Amino acid sequence: MYLSSFAKKGILLGLLACITSMGCTPDFSKALPEKNKFFDLKSYFQQEKLRLKNVNGFTKKTTIDKSDEVHHFDTLNLVEELQIFENSDINRIAWFDKYSTDSIFVDTKIRSIHYKALDPKLKTQEIKIDFGEDGPSKIHINNLSVSTILESTQKLFYQPLIGYTIESWQKMILSEEKEVIVDVQFDR
């Protein structure tokens, strides 16, 4: 039996009116994805930038191909410094099925979350977050970027009471691998 599009719309509206009039309003919200399925790294690091304004100083050690340089700063441009962590946020609706999630709870309190990419093409391959009593105590992120001319690997470590470390390796075609390690300690 052939129904015109007008007739199909009428039947659909009639069914919807019938369901609604019986007090059974369908809940379509359950079909919509959650706003943040994963831990919200972006918001967390935005809050950390505000909190770190109260730190007394920073000790920053930069190592480029095994050559070290150490500096002490009263302030750091935290917007720039922590951007790499924010850019590792995986909260995108298109990625909700692209990561496996493993969580550890102790006495109904979350102690650890581990996200692992199911797609090797995604930049953020792994995020592991350990929790203490007051929130995240350690964050570890592995990023990988591969193109025809460049392969880049990043290991990011963040401890809110101690500091952070960014380890980067880059390998371009026809050149040697370059290693850069940035280690920042928060002075208390």
Protein backbone atom coordinates (compact mmCIF):
# COMPACT_ATOMS: atom_id res chain seq x y z
CA MET A 1 0.00 0.00 0.00
CA TYR A 2 1.38 3.38 -1.00
CA LEU A 3 1.00 6.35 1.37
CA SER A 4 1.80 9.90 0.43
CA SER A 5 4.26 11.82 2.60
CA PHE A 6 1.33 13.92 3.83
CA ALA A 7 -0.48 10.76 4.99
CA LYS A 8 2.64 9.42 6.71
CA LYS A 9 3.06 12.68 8.63
CA GLY A 10 -0.60 12.57 9.64
CA ILE A 11 -0.29 9.01 10.96
CA LEU A 12 2.88 9.89 12.88
CA LEU A 13 1.26 12.99 14.42
CA GLY A 14 -1.82 10.97 15.30
CA LEU A 15 0.27 8.31 17.09
CA LEU A 16 2.21 10.96 18.95
CA ALA A 17 -1.04 12.71 20.01
CA CYS A 18 -2.48 9.37 21.13
CA ILE A 19 0.56 8.47 23.23
CA THR A 20 0.67 11.97 24.77
CA SER A 21 -3.04 11.98 25.58
CA MET A 22 -2.66 8.68 27.44
CA GLY A 23 -0.11 10.32 29.76
CA CYS A 24 2.77 8.42 28.23
CA THR A 25 5.03 11.14 26.96
CA PRO A 26 7.99 9.47 25.27
CA ASP A 27 11.40 10.36 26.76
CA PHE A 28 13.59 11.22 23.78
CA SER A 29 16.37 12.58 26.03
CA LYS A 30 17.68 9.07 26.63
CA ALA A 31 18.49 8.79 22.93
CA LEU A 32 20.66 11.90 23.05
CA PRO A 33 24.32 11.41 23.94
CA GLU A 34 25.67 12.79 27.18
CA LYS A 35 27.45 16.13 26.94
CA ASN A 36 30.63 14.77 28.55
CA LYS A 37 30.98 11.01 28.39
CA PHE A 38 34.64 11.21 29.40
CA PHE A 39 36.49 13.12 32.12
CA ASP A 40 36.46 16.77 31.02
CA LEU A 41 40.19 17.57 30.70
CA LYS A 42 39.51 20.96 29.16
CA SER A 43 37.45 22.23 32.09
CA TYR A 44 39.80 20.65 34.61
CA PHE A 45 42.85 22.44 33.21
CA GLN A 46 40.98 25.73 32.94
CA GLN A 47 40.32 25.45 36.69
CA GLU A 48 43.94 24.47 37.33
CA LYS A 49 45.17 27.62 35.57
CA LEU A 50 43.17 29.70 38.04
CA ARG A 51 44.37 27.67 41.04
CA LEU A 52 48.01 27.86 39.98
CA LYS A 53 47.96 31.67 40.07
CA ASN A 54 48.50 31.23 43.84
CA VAL A 55 51.72 29.22 43.42
CA ASN A 56 54.83 31.02 44.75
CA GLY A 57 56.99 30.16 41.75
CA PHE A 58 57.97 27.57 39.18
CA THR A 59 61.17 25.68 38.43
CA LYS A 60 61.32 24.76 34.76
CA LYS A 61 63.86 22.33 33.35
CA THR A 62 64.02 22.00 29.57
CA THR A 63 66.02 19.18 27.99
CA ILE A 64 66.60 19.23 24.24
CA ASP A 65 68.48 16.19 22.95
CA LYS A 66 70.08 15.60 26.37
CA SER A 67 71.15 19.24 26.86
CA ASP A 68 69.56 20.73 30.03
CA GLU A 69 68.58 24.25 30.95
CA VAL A 70 67.01 25.15 34.32
CA HIS A 71 65.19 28.41 35.15
CA HIS A 72 63.15 29.71 38.06
CA PHE A 73 60.09 31.85 37.34
CA ASP A 74 57.76 33.77 39.62
CA THR A 75 54.98 33.33 37.05
CA LEU A 76 54.40 31.29 33.92
CA ASN A 77 52.04 31.79 31.01
CA LEU A 78 49.81 28.92 32.13
CA VAL A 79 47.40 29.42 29.24
CA GLU A 80 50.23 28.49 26.89
CA GLU A 81 51.94 25.97 29.18
CA LEU A 82 48.87 23.81 29.85
CA GLN A 83 47.31 24.09 26.38
CA ILE A 84 48.83 20.77 25.35
CA PHE A 85 46.86 19.04 28.14
CA GLU A 86 43.61 20.78 27.15
CA ASN A 87 44.16 19.80 23.50
CA SER A 88 44.16 16.15 24.59
CA ASP A 89 40.50 16.35 25.68
CA ILE A 90 38.49 13.56 24.02
CA ASN A 91 34.96 14.83 24.76
CA ARG A 92 33.52 14.86 21.28
CA ILE A 93 30.28 13.13 20.39
CA ALA A 94 31.90 11.57 17.31
CA TRP A 95 34.47 9.87 19.57
CA PHE A 96 32.14 8.38 22.18
CA ASP A 97 32.55 4.91 20.66
CA LYS A 98 36.24 5.37 19.77
CA TYR A 99 37.64 4.73 23.28
CA SER A 100 37.42 1.88 25.72
CA THR A 101 36.88 2.88 29.33
CA ASP A 102 38.03 1.07 32.44
CA SER A 103 37.31 2.43 35.91
CA ILE A 104 38.34 1.34 39.40
CA PHE A 105 36.10 2.12 42.38
CA VAL A 106 36.91 1.57 46.06
CA ASP A 107 33.99 1.87 48.49
CA THR A 108 31.89 3.58 45.78
CA LYS A 109 34.59 6.25 45.23
CA ILE A 110 36.32 6.44 41.90
CA ARG A 111 40.06 5.80 42.17
CA SER A 112 41.13 5.47 38.55
CA ILE A 113 39.83 5.94 35.00
CA HIS A 114 41.65 4.61 31.96
CA TYR A 115 40.68 5.53 28.38
CA LYS A 116 42.32 3.74 25.46
CA ALA A 117 41.78 4.63 21.80
CA LEU A 118 40.24 1.92 19.65
CA ASP A 119 41.31 3.78 16.51
CA PRO A 120 45.09 4.12 15.93
CA LYS A 121 44.49 7.28 13.88
CA LEU A 122 43.27 9.31 16.87
CA LYS A 123 45.84 11.73 18.31
CA THR A 124 45.09 11.01 21.96
CA GLN A 125 45.76 7.31 22.32
CA GLU A 126 45.52 6.93 26.08
CA ILE A 127 44.48 8.83 29.20
CA LYS A 128 44.88 7.50 32.73
CA ILE A 129 43.60 9.51 35.69
CA ASP A 130 44.21 8.53 39.32
CA PHE A 131 42.00 10.14 41.97
CA GLY A 132 42.70 11.07 45.58
CA GLU A 133 40.27 12.44 48.13
CA ASP A 134 40.18 15.92 46.53
CA GLY A 135 40.01 14.96 42.84
CA PRO A 136 42.65 13.97 40.30
CA SER A 137 46.05 13.18 41.85
CA LYS A 138 47.81 12.07 38.63
CA ILE A 139 47.02 12.42 34.95
CA HIS A 140 48.97 10.57 32.27
CA ILE A 141 48.28 11.13 28.56
CA ASN A 142 49.84 9.51 25.47
CA ASN A 143 49.48 11.34 22.16
CA LEU A 144 50.58 10.17 18.73
CA SER A 145 50.57 12.00 15.40
CA VAL A 146 51.67 10.30 12.21
CA SER A 147 51.82 11.82 8.74
CA THR A 148 53.78 11.05 5.61
CA ILE A 149 56.65 13.31 6.68
CA LEU A 150 56.46 13.42 10.49
CA GLU A 151 55.88 11.12 13.44
CA SER A 152 55.37 12.75 16.81
CA THR A 153 54.91 11.11 20.20
CA GLN A 154 54.03 12.94 23.41
CA LYS A 155 53.82 11.66 26.97
CA LEU A 156 52.17 14.10 29.34
CA PHE A 157 52.23 13.77 33.12
CA TYR A 158 50.41 16.07 35.53
CA GLN A 159 50.30 16.06 39.35
CA PRO A 160 48.33 19.00 40.73
CA LEU A 161 50.41 19.34 43.91
CA ILE A 162 53.82 18.76 42.31
CA GLY A 163 54.00 19.87 38.66
CA TYR A 164 53.99 18.46 35.16
CA THR A 165 56.25 16.85 32.58
CA ILE A 166 55.92 16.88 28.80
CA GLU A 167 58.09 14.39 26.90
CA SER A 168 58.07 14.81 23.11
CA TRP A 169 59.79 12.90 20.33
CA GLN A 170 59.67 13.96 16.70
CA LYS A 171 61.01 12.10 13.72
CA MET A 172 60.92 13.71 10.29
CA ILE A 173 61.81 11.93 7.08
CA LEU A 174 65.54 12.20 6.35
CA SER A 175 66.37 13.63 9.78
CA GLU A 176 67.28 12.32 13.19
CA GLU A 177 64.82 11.97 16.02
CA LYS A 178 64.50 15.02 18.24
CA GLU A 179 63.69 14.69 21.93
CA VAL A 180 62.34 17.53 24.09
CA ILE A 181 61.46 17.17 27.77
CA VAL A 182 59.90 19.98 29.77
CA ASP A 183 59.63 19.43 33.53
CA VAL A 184 57.92 22.08 35.67
CA GLN A 185 57.80 21.90 39.46
CA PHE A 186 55.44 24.07 41.51
CA ASP A 187 57.15 25.91 44.37
CA ARG A 188 55.16 25.90 47.59
